[in-house]
């Protein structure tokens, strides 16, 4: 599952609007919209601010 789909699903599961999620994570509404639309270039620190709402974070992953 793509990160964009995952976060949209989590947001809906917790009954949050995009505005509420942005406010709680301390990021802009535009950022949340870009994130949920799968924009390729986003600041990792802000992605982690959003993920922190759900007790998660991004980090390096070994590919091979």
N, C-alpha and C. Protein backbone atom coordinates (compact mmCIF):
# COMPACT_ATOMS: atom_id res chain seq x y z
N UNK A 1 0.85 -1.18 0.00
CA UNK A 1 0.00 0.00 0.00
C UNK A 1 0.89 1.24 0.00
N UNK A 2 0.54 2.19 -0.82
CA UNK A 2 1.28 3.44 -0.90
C UNK A 2 1.05 4.27 0.37
N UNK A 3 2.04 5.07 0.72
CA UNK A 3 1.94 5.93 1.90
C UNK A 3 0.72 6.85 1.81
N UNK A 4 0.46 7.37 0.62
CA UNK A 4 -0.69 8.27 0.45
C UNK A 4 -2.00 7.56 0.80
N UNK A 5 -2.15 6.34 0.32
CA UNK A 5 -3.37 5.56 0.61
C UNK A 5 -3.44 5.22 2.09
N UNK A 6 -2.31 4.84 2.65
CA UNK A 6 -2.26 4.46 4.06
C UNK A 6 -2.71 5.60 4.96
N UNK A 7 -2.16 6.78 4.72
CA UNK A 7 -2.50 7.92 5.59
C UNK A 7 -3.94 8.38 5.39
N UNK A 8 -4.43 8.31 4.18
CA UNK A 8 -5.83 8.67 3.94
C UNK A 8 -6.75 7.70 4.68
N UNK A 9 -6.41 6.42 4.63
CA UNK A 9 -7.20 5.40 5.32
C UNK A 9 -7.17 5.62 6.84
N UNK A 10 -5.99 5.92 7.37
CA UNK A 10 -5.85 6.18 8.82
C UNK A 10 -6.66 7.40 9.23
N UNK A 11 -6.56 8.46 8.43
CA UNK A 11 -7.28 9.69 8.75
C UNK A 11 -8.78 9.43 8.82
N UNK A 12 -9.28 8.71 7.86
CA UNK A 12 -10.72 8.40 7.84
C UNK A 12 -11.10 7.48 8.98
N UNK A 13 -10.26 6.51 9.30
CA UNK A 13 -10.52 5.59 10.40
C UNK A 13 -10.69 6.35 11.72
N UNK A 14 -9.89 7.39 11.91
CA UNK A 14 -9.94 8.18 13.14
C UNK A 14 -10.92 9.35 13.04
N UNK A 15 -11.64 9.43 11.93
CA UNK A 15 -12.66 10.46 11.77
C UNK A 15 -12.13 11.87 11.67
N UNK A 16 -10.97 12.03 11.08
CA UNK A 16 -10.36 13.36 10.95
C UNK A 16 -10.57 13.90 9.54
N UNK A 17 -10.82 15.18 9.45
CA UNK A 17 -10.83 15.84 8.15
C UNK A 17 -9.38 16.17 7.81
N UNK A 18 -9.13 16.56 6.57
CA UNK A 18 -7.78 16.96 6.20
C UNK A 18 -7.33 18.17 7.02
N UNK A 19 -8.25 19.07 7.27
CA UNK A 19 -7.93 20.27 8.06
C UNK A 19 -7.53 19.88 9.49
N UNK A 20 -8.32 18.99 10.10
CA UNK A 20 -8.01 18.55 11.47
C UNK A 20 -6.67 17.84 11.53
N UNK A 21 -6.40 16.98 10.56
CA UNK A 21 -5.13 16.26 10.56
C UNK A 21 -3.96 17.24 10.41
N UNK A 22 -4.11 18.21 9.54
CA UNK A 22 -3.05 19.21 9.35
C UNK A 22 -2.81 19.99 10.64
N UNK A 23 -3.89 20.42 11.30
CA UNK A 23 -3.75 21.18 12.54
C UNK A 23 -3.08 20.36 13.63
N UNK A 24 -3.51 19.12 13.80
CA UNK A 24 -2.95 18.27 14.86
C UNK A 24 -1.49 17.92 14.60
N UNK A 25 -1.12 17.80 13.33
CA UNK A 25 0.26 17.45 12.99
C UNK A 25 1.16 18.68 12.91
N UNK A 26 0.56 19.86 12.88
CA UNK A 26 1.35 21.09 12.78
C UNK A 26 1.91 21.32 11.38
N UNK A 27 1.18 20.86 10.37
CA UNK A 27 1.58 21.08 8.99
C UNK A 27 0.44 21.81 8.27
N UNK A 28 0.72 22.28 7.08
CA UNK A 28 -0.30 22.98 6.32
C UNK A 28 -1.28 22.05 5.63
N UNK A 29 -2.46 22.58 5.36
CA UNK A 29 -3.47 21.81 4.65
C UNK A 29 -2.97 21.39 3.28
N UNK A 30 -2.28 22.27 2.59
CA UNK A 30 -1.73 21.95 1.27
C UNK A 30 -0.80 20.74 1.35
N UNK A 31 0.00 20.66 2.42
CA UNK A 31 0.91 19.53 2.60
C UNK A 31 0.12 18.23 2.72
N UNK A 32 -0.94 18.24 3.52
CA UNK A 32 -1.76 17.04 3.70
C UNK A 32 -2.38 16.63 2.37
N UNK A 33 -2.87 17.58 1.62
CA UNK A 33 -3.46 17.27 0.31
C UNK A 33 -2.43 16.67 -0.63
N UNK A 34 -1.24 17.28 -0.67
CA UNK A 34 -0.16 16.75 -1.51
C UNK A 34 0.22 15.34 -1.08
N UNK A 35 0.29 15.12 0.21
CA UNK A 35 0.64 13.81 0.75
C UNK A 35 -0.37 12.76 0.34
N UNK A 36 -1.64 13.07 0.48
CA UNK A 36 -2.69 12.11 0.14
C UNK A 36 -2.83 11.90 -1.37
N UNK A 37 -2.33 12.84 -2.15
CA UNK A 37 -2.39 12.70 -3.61
C UNK A 37 -1.13 12.01 -4.14
N UNK A 38 -0.21 11.65 -3.26
CA UNK A 38 0.98 10.91 -3.67
C UNK A 38 2.08 11.74 -4.29
N UNK A 39 2.16 13.01 -3.93
CA UNK A 39 3.23 13.86 -4.47
C UNK A 39 4.58 13.21 -4.17
N UNK A 40 5.45 13.19 -5.15
CA UNK A 40 6.72 12.47 -5.06
C UNK A 40 7.76 13.16 -4.17
N UNK A 41 7.73 14.48 -4.08
CA UNK A 41 8.74 15.19 -3.32
C UNK A 41 8.10 15.91 -2.14
N UNK A 42 8.27 15.34 -0.97
CA UNK A 42 7.75 15.92 0.26
C UNK A 42 8.84 15.88 1.32
N UNK A 43 8.81 16.83 2.23
CA UNK A 43 9.79 16.85 3.32
C UNK A 43 9.53 15.70 4.28
N UNK A 44 10.55 14.90 4.50
CA UNK A 44 10.42 13.73 5.36
C UNK A 44 10.07 14.12 6.79
N UNK A 45 10.60 15.23 7.28
CA UNK A 45 10.28 15.63 8.65
C UNK A 45 8.80 15.93 8.81
N UNK A 46 8.20 16.54 7.80
CA UNK A 46 6.77 16.82 7.87
C UNK A 46 5.94 15.55 7.71
N UNK A 47 6.40 14.63 6.87
CA UNK A 47 5.71 13.34 6.75
C UNK A 47 5.72 12.65 8.10
N UNK A 48 6.84 12.70 8.80
CA UNK A 48 6.93 12.10 10.13
C UNK A 48 6.06 12.82 11.15
N UNK A 49 5.86 14.12 10.99
CA UNK A 49 4.94 14.84 11.88
C UNK A 49 3.52 14.29 11.74
N UNK A 50 3.12 14.00 10.51
CA UNK A 50 1.79 13.44 10.26
C UNK A 50 1.72 12.00 10.78
N UNK A 51 2.73 11.20 10.47
CA UNK A 51 2.75 9.81 10.92
C UNK A 51 2.75 9.70 12.45
N UNK A 52 3.34 10.66 13.12
CA UNK A 52 3.41 10.64 14.59
C UNK A 52 2.02 10.65 15.22
N UNK A 53 1.03 11.20 14.50
CA UNK A 53 -0.34 11.18 15.01
C UNK A 53 -0.83 9.75 15.24
N UNK A 54 -0.26 8.81 14.49
CA UNK A 54 -0.68 7.42 14.56
C UNK A 54 0.40 6.53 15.18
N UNK A 55 1.37 7.17 15.86
CA UNK A 55 2.42 6.43 16.55
C UNK A 55 3.43 5.77 15.63
N UNK A 56 3.67 6.36 14.48
CA UNK A 56 4.58 5.77 13.50
C UNK A 56 5.53 6.81 12.94
N UNK A 57 6.59 6.36 12.22
CA UNK A 57 7.51 7.27 11.56
C UNK A 57 8.19 6.56 10.38
N UNK A 58 8.72 7.35 9.49
CA UNK A 58 9.50 6.83 8.36
C UNK A 58 10.95 6.71 8.75
N UNK A 59 11.64 5.81 8.13
CA UNK A 59 13.07 5.67 8.37
C UNK A 59 13.69 4.89 7.23
N UNK A 60 15.01 4.76 7.24
CA UNK A 60 15.68 4.02 6.19
C UNK A 60 15.30 2.54 6.21
N UNK A 61 15.17 1.99 5.02
CA UNK A 61 14.82 0.58 4.86
C UNK A 61 15.79 -0.04 3.90
N UNK A 62 16.39 -1.15 4.28
CA UNK A 62 17.30 -1.84 3.40
C UNK A 62 16.54 -2.45 2.24
N UNK A 63 17.04 -2.22 1.04
CA UNK A 63 16.34 -2.76 -0.14
C UNK A 63 16.91 -4.08 -0.61
N UNK A 64 18.15 -4.37 -0.33
CA UNK A 64 18.74 -5.66 -0.73
C UNK A 64 19.83 -6.08 0.19
